[in-house]
Amino acid sequence: MPAPRATNRPELSAFLRAMRSRRRPADVGLPETDRRRTPGLRRQEVAQLAAVSIDWYIRLEQGRVGVPGAAVLDAVGQALRLSEAERHHLHLIARGEAPPPRHQPAPASESLQVMLHSMPATPAWILDFRFDVLAHNAAAAALFGPGFTPGVNTAEQLFLDPGSRDIQLDWTRIAREYVGNLRANLARHPGDPRLTALVGDLRRGSSDFAAWWDDHTVQERTNGTKRILHPTAGILTLRYDVLAVQDGSGQRLSVVTPADTHAETALRTLIFPPAGLRAVN
């Protein structure tokens, strides 16, 4: 693969300044608490949103960082809320090449899919190392509802959806496990742009994630017990197991099973509802 060409420094500087001037703090979720001498975002705010140092961002805007990496450029582009055309232009003037295509999750492995659908009474789903859902069975859909679909990222749901704390009754413990797993996964896949961007989004969007990430939590989430609040079944205590595929793909099969009689009965009703309930639904 040929090395990226040199940065077009004058164009890069002018482009980044122009993009900054177009964005108001409210556009990117920041409070507008003071009067500004110039319109748009400050350099420090862009650096904060992109999870880079202010010194590095200033040097980028001045064209003094050599050829920046694709992942960090995408983080800057996301901080500035660039369109796809603007993202493409940023990569061309900063790296001399088109940006990598947007992430498309790899298909779930055939062996995991066979296991997945061989357990009709057990909620199960397949994740990749970024916590993107690749596939799930009907039992998982019955438990988690229509919002739990392939393409959903469970880490984003956990940290960025305010309602997750009401559903996950052991939120802090489960969330710290996620942070530890993501740090371990990033060490295994250090060049993955989607994973790098995900970590940046979670650091910007969740103060809890940022604090736990910065304390270098590392953990392998393999099994345990958790409680969830289901809208119709009430509080369910569930055991979870995460089974990894030893093929280098980073894909995992996640399974939940009831931890007590109440959860067992409730799961059975959710997964195999009586005929009358099926008709109502």
Protein backbone atom coordinates (compact mmCIF):
# COMPACT_ATOMS: atom_id res chain seq x y z
CA MET A 1 0.00 0.00 0.00
CA PRO A 2 1.53 3.36 -1.02
CA ALA A 3 2.28 5.88 1.70
CA PRO A 4 -0.07 8.89 1.95
CA ARG A 5 1.11 11.98 0.11
CA ALA A 6 2.10 15.19 1.87
CA THR A 7 -0.46 17.39 3.58
CA ASN A 8 -1.80 20.39 1.64
CA ARG A 9 -1.06 22.73 4.55
CA PRO A 10 -2.63 26.01 3.32
CA GLU A 11 -5.85 24.29 2.23
CA LEU A 12 -6.02 22.21 5.43
CA SER A 13 -5.60 25.26 7.66
CA ALA A 14 -8.22 27.28 5.79
CA PHE A 15 -10.66 24.36 5.67
CA LEU A 16 -10.47 23.56 9.39
CA ARG A 17 -10.86 27.21 10.35
CA ALA A 18 -13.87 27.54 8.07
CA MET A 19 -15.50 24.39 9.48
CA ARG A 20 -14.90 25.59 13.05
CA SER A 21 -16.49 28.97 12.30
CA ARG A 22 -19.68 27.32 11.03
CA ARG A 23 -20.41 25.34 14.18
CA ARG A 24 -22.10 26.79 17.23
CA PRO A 25 -21.48 25.18 20.63
CA ALA A 26 -25.13 24.06 20.73
CA ASP A 27 -24.61 22.18 17.45
CA VAL A 28 -22.18 19.82 19.16
CA GLY A 29 -23.82 19.58 22.57
CA LEU A 30 -21.79 22.28 24.34
CA PRO A 31 -23.37 25.07 26.42
CA GLU A 32 -23.33 28.63 25.08
CA THR A 33 -22.46 30.41 28.30
CA ASP A 34 -20.37 33.38 27.16
CA ARG A 35 -19.98 35.92 24.38
CA ARG A 36 -17.41 35.09 21.73
CA ARG A 37 -15.23 37.48 19.84
CA THR A 38 -15.35 35.25 16.77
CA PRO A 39 -18.12 32.91 15.59
CA GLY A 40 -17.94 29.16 15.87
CA LEU A 41 -16.07 26.72 18.07
CA ARG A 42 -12.79 27.37 19.82
CA ARG A 43 -9.79 25.17 19.04
CA GLN A 44 -9.90 23.81 22.59
CA GLU A 45 -13.51 22.72 22.12
CA VAL A 46 -12.74 20.86 18.89
CA ALA A 47 -9.81 19.13 20.61
CA GLN A 48 -12.02 18.14 23.53
CA LEU A 49 -14.72 16.74 21.24
CA ALA A 50 -12.18 14.81 19.18
CA ALA A 51 -10.36 13.47 22.29
CA VAL A 52 -7.00 14.93 21.21
CA SER A 53 -4.71 17.39 22.95
CA ILE A 54 -5.18 21.09 22.27
CA ASP A 55 -1.51 21.35 21.27
CA TRP A 56 -1.92 18.60 18.66
CA TYR A 57 -5.06 20.16 17.24
CA ILE A 58 -3.40 23.59 16.93
CA ARG A 59 -0.49 21.99 15.07
CA LEU A 60 -2.95 20.10 12.83
CA GLU A 61 -4.76 23.32 11.98
CA GLN A 62 -1.40 24.90 11.21
CA GLY A 63 -0.31 21.94 9.09
CA ARG A 64 2.56 20.99 11.41
CA VAL A 65 1.76 17.36 12.31
CA GLY A 66 3.05 15.58 9.22
CA VAL A 67 0.49 13.12 7.83
CA PRO A 68 -2.21 12.46 10.44
CA GLY A 69 -3.80 9.05 10.87
CA ALA A 70 -7.17 8.26 9.29
CA ALA A 71 -8.86 7.43 12.60
CA VAL A 72 -7.89 10.68 14.30
CA LEU A 73 -8.96 12.64 11.22
CA ASP A 74 -12.35 10.99 11.44
CA ALA A 75 -12.54 11.96 15.11
CA VAL A 76 -11.85 15.60 14.16
CA GLY A 77 -14.36 15.36 11.33
CA GLN A 78 -17.00 14.00 13.68
CA ALA A 79 -16.26 16.76 16.21
CA LEU A 80 -16.87 19.32 13.46
CA ARG A 81 -19.98 17.46 12.24
CA LEU A 82 -18.62 17.18 8.70
CA SER A 83 -20.79 15.83 5.91
CA GLU A 84 -19.57 12.81 3.94
CA ALA A 85 -18.32 15.12 1.16
CA GLU A 86 -16.50 17.31 3.70
CA ARG A 87 -14.99 14.21 5.37
CA HIS A 88 -13.72 13.04 1.97
CA HIS A 89 -12.16 16.48 1.32
CA LEU A 90 -10.51 16.55 4.76
CA HIS A 91 -8.77 13.23 4.12
CA LEU A 92 -7.62 14.34 0.66
CA ILE A 93 -6.03 17.57 1.86
CA ALA A 94 -4.64 16.11 5.11
CA ARG A 95 -3.44 12.71 3.85
CA GLY A 96 -3.51 12.93 0.08
CA GLU A 97 -5.89 9.98 -0.19
CA ALA A 98 -9.57 9.16 0.10
CA PRO A 99 -10.85 8.16 3.55
CA PRO A 100 -11.43 4.50 4.39
CA PRO A 101 -15.03 3.39 3.79
CA ARG A 102 -17.46 3.66 6.66
CA HIS A 103 -17.46 0.64 8.91
CA GLN A 104 -19.61 -2.31 7.86
CA PRO A 105 -19.73 -5.10 10.45
CA ALA A 106 -18.37 -8.41 9.23
CA PRO A 107 -20.91 -11.21 8.93
CA ALA A 108 -21.33 -13.46 11.94
CA SER A 109 -19.35 -16.67 11.69
CA GLU A 110 -21.30 -19.64 10.36
CA SER A 111 -20.52 -21.82 13.38
CA LEU A 112 -21.79 -19.18 15.81
CA GLN A 113 -24.97 -18.72 13.80
CA VAL A 114 -25.63 -22.47 14.00
CA MET A 115 -25.23 -22.32 17.79
CA LEU A 116 -27.36 -19.19 17.96
CA HIS A 117 -30.37 -20.70 16.27
CA SER A 118 -30.03 -24.07 17.99
CA MET A 119 -31.17 -22.44 21.27
CA PRO A 120 -34.74 -21.26 20.62
CA ALA A 121 -35.53 -21.01 24.34
CA THR A 122 -32.35 -19.13 25.28
CA PRO A 123 -31.73 -15.45 24.42
CA ALA A 124 -28.44 -15.30 22.52
CA TRP A 125 -26.70 -12.87 20.19
CA ILE A 126 -23.38 -12.47 18.39
CA LEU A 127 -21.10 -9.46 18.95
CA ASP A 128 -17.88 -8.39 17.32
CA PHE A 129 -14.95 -6.90 19.25
CA ARG A 130 -16.50 -3.43 18.88
CA PHE A 131 -19.72 -4.63 20.60
CA ASP A 132 -21.70 -4.30 17.36
CA VAL A 133 -24.58 -6.79 17.27
CA LEU A 134 -24.09 -9.04 14.23
CA ALA A 135 -27.03 -11.41 14.74
CA HIS A 136 -29.51 -12.54 17.39
CA ASN A 137 -32.13 -15.22 17.82
CA ALA A 138 -35.86 -14.81 18.34
CA ALA A 139 -35.52 -15.33 22.10
CA ALA A 140 -33.20 -12.31 22.38
CA ALA A 141 -35.64 -10.20 20.36
CA ALA A 142 -38.44 -11.27 22.70
CA LEU A 143 -36.42 -10.29 25.77
CA PHE A 144 -34.88 -7.00 24.60
CA GLY A 145 -37.57 -5.73 22.24
CA PRO A 146 -37.58 -4.32 18.70
CA GLY A 147 -34.73 -1.86 19.34
CA PHE A 148 -32.26 -4.72 19.72
CA THR A 149 -31.27 -5.35 16.10
CA PRO A 150 -28.15 -6.18 14.06
CA GLY A 151 -26.07 -3.05 13.68
CA VAL A 152 -26.84 -1.75 17.17
CA ASN A 153 -23.77 -1.14 19.34
CA THR A 154 -24.41 -2.33 22.89
CA ALA A 155 -21.68 -0.10 24.37
CA GLU A 156 -23.32 2.97 22.87
CA GLN A 157 -26.68 1.84 24.23
CA LEU A 158 -25.22 1.30 27.69
CA PHE A 159 -23.33 4.60 28.01
CA LEU A 160 -25.18 7.06 25.77
CA ASP A 161 -28.83 6.06 26.25
CA PRO A 162 -30.07 7.74 29.47
CA GLY A 163 -32.66 4.99 29.95
CA SER A 164 -30.04 2.25 30.23
CA ARG A 165 -29.52 2.94 33.94
CA ASP A 166 -33.21 2.29 34.58
CA ILE A 167 -33.07 -1.03 32.72
CA GLN A 168 -29.66 -2.30 33.86
CA LEU A 169 -30.06 -2.40 37.63
CA ASP A 170 -26.36 -3.31 38.09
CA TRP A 171 -25.33 -0.56 35.65
CA THR A 172 -22.05 0.50 37.27
CA ARG A 173 -20.60 -3.00 37.46
CA ILE A 174 -21.70 -3.95 33.95
CA ALA A 175 -20.50 -0.62 32.54
CA ARG A 176 -17.04 -1.01 34.10
CA GLU A 177 -16.82 -4.47 32.57
CA TYR A 178 -17.53 -2.94 29.17
CA VAL A 179 -14.76 -0.35 29.63
CA GLY A 180 -12.28 -3.05 30.58
CA ASN A 181 -13.24 -5.18 27.59
CA LEU A 182 -13.02 -2.29 25.15
CA ARG A 183 -9.53 -1.40 26.39
CA ALA A 184 -8.41 -5.02 26.00
CA ASN A 185 -9.97 -5.17 22.53
CA LEU A 186 -8.29 -1.93 21.45
CA ALA A 187 -4.92 -3.41 22.42
CA ARG A 188 -5.69 -6.43 20.19
CA HIS A 189 -6.97 -4.29 17.29
CA PRO A 190 -5.03 -1.00 17.62
CA GLY A 191 -5.51 0.07 13.99
CA ASP A 192 -9.28 -0.44 13.78
CA PRO A 193 -10.81 2.97 12.92
CA ARG A 194 -14.34 2.04 14.00
CA LEU A 195 -13.18 0.92 17.45
CA THR A 196 -10.98 4.01 17.86
CA ALA A 197 -13.88 6.28 16.88
CA LEU A 198 -16.24 4.42 19.24
CA VAL A 199 -13.92 4.94 22.22
CA GLY A 200 -13.66 8.63 21.34
CA ASP A 201 -17.46 8.95 21.13
CA LEU A 202 -17.92 7.23 24.49
CA ARG A 203 -15.27 9.39 26.16
CA ARG A 204 -16.98 12.53 24.88
CA GLY A 205 -20.50 11.37 25.62
CA SER A 206 -20.08 9.75 29.05
CA SER A 207 -18.13 11.18 31.98
CA ASP A 208 -18.24 7.74 33.64
CA PHE A 209 -16.70 6.09 30.60
CA ALA A 210 -14.00 8.79 30.40
CA ALA A 211 -13.07 8.41 34.07
CA TRP A 212 -12.90 4.61 33.92
CA TRP A 213 -11.02 4.67 30.63
CA ASP A 214 -8.43 7.02 32.11
CA ASP A 215 -7.86 4.74 35.11
CA HIS A 216 -6.78 2.02 32.62
CA THR A 217 -9.36 -0.56 33.64
CA VAL A 218 -8.71 -3.84 31.81
CA GLN A 219 -11.11 -6.73 32.20
CA GLU A 220 -12.32 -9.76 30.28
CA ARG A 221 -16.10 -10.01 30.55
CA THR A 222 -16.90 -13.72 30.41
CA ASN A 223 -19.70 -14.54 32.87
CA GLY A 224 -21.68 -13.26 35.81
CA THR A 225 -25.15 -12.36 37.06
CA LYS A 226 -27.10 -9.18 36.41
CA ARG A 227 -30.57 -7.79 37.02
CA ILE A 228 -32.65 -6.08 34.36
CA LEU A 229 -35.99 -4.31 34.67
CA HIS A 230 -38.27 -5.56 31.90
CA PRO A 231 -41.31 -3.36 31.06
CA THR A 232 -43.81 -6.21 31.47
CA ALA A 233 -41.97 -9.01 33.31
CA GLY A 234 -40.52 -6.82 36.06
CA ILE A 235 -37.10 -7.44 37.60
CA LEU A 236 -35.30 -10.43 36.08
CA THR A 237 -32.12 -11.89 37.55
CA LEU A 238 -30.12 -13.44 34.73
CA ARG A 239 -26.85 -15.27 34.34
CA TYR A 240 -24.74 -14.27 31.35
CA ASP A 241 -21.95 -16.10 29.58
CA VAL A 242 -19.75 -14.78 26.78
CA LEU A 243 -18.11 -17.39 24.58
CA ALA A 244 -15.23 -16.23 22.37
CA VAL A 245 -14.34 -17.70 18.95
CA GLN A 246 -10.66 -18.56 18.74
CA ASP A 247 -10.26 -17.58 15.07
CA GLY A 248 -8.89 -14.05 15.48
CA SER A 249 -12.16 -12.40 14.43
CA GLY A 250 -13.01 -11.20 17.94
CA GLN A 251 -16.58 -12.42 17.58
CA ARG A 252 -18.40 -13.64 20.69
CA LEU A 253 -21.61 -15.49 21.46
CA SER A 254 -23.47 -13.92 24.38
CA VAL A 255 -26.11 -15.97 26.19
CA VAL A 256 -28.41 -15.21 29.12
CA THR A 257 -30.15 -17.82 31.24
CA PRO A 258 -32.51 -17.44 34.23
CA ALA A 259 -30.94 -17.28 37.67
CA ASP A 260 -34.12 -18.04 39.62
CA THR A 261 -37.62 -19.46 39.24
CA HIS A 262 -39.25 -16.08 38.60
CA ALA A 263 -36.87 -15.28 35.76
CA GLU A 264 -37.32 -18.77 34.30
CA THR A 265 -41.11 -18.43 34.22
CA ALA A 266 -41.00 -14.86 32.89
CA LEU A 267 -38.54 -15.74 30.12
CA ARG A 268 -40.66 -18.70 29.04
CA THR A 269 -43.71 -16.44 28.81
CA LEU A 270 -41.85 -13.76 26.85
CA ILE A 271 -40.31 -16.23 24.40
CA PHE A 272 -43.34 -18.51 24.01
CA PRO A 273 -46.34 -16.30 24.81
CA PRO A 274 -49.77 -17.93 25.19
CA ALA A 275 -51.95 -17.91 22.07
CA GLY A 276 -54.18 -15.14 23.38
CA LEU A 277 -51.22 -12.89 24.15
CA ARG A 278 -49.74 -13.56 20.71
CA ALA A 279 -53.00 -12.48 19.12
CA VAL A 280 -53.02 -9.22 21.09
CA ASN A 281 -49.43 -8.50 20.12
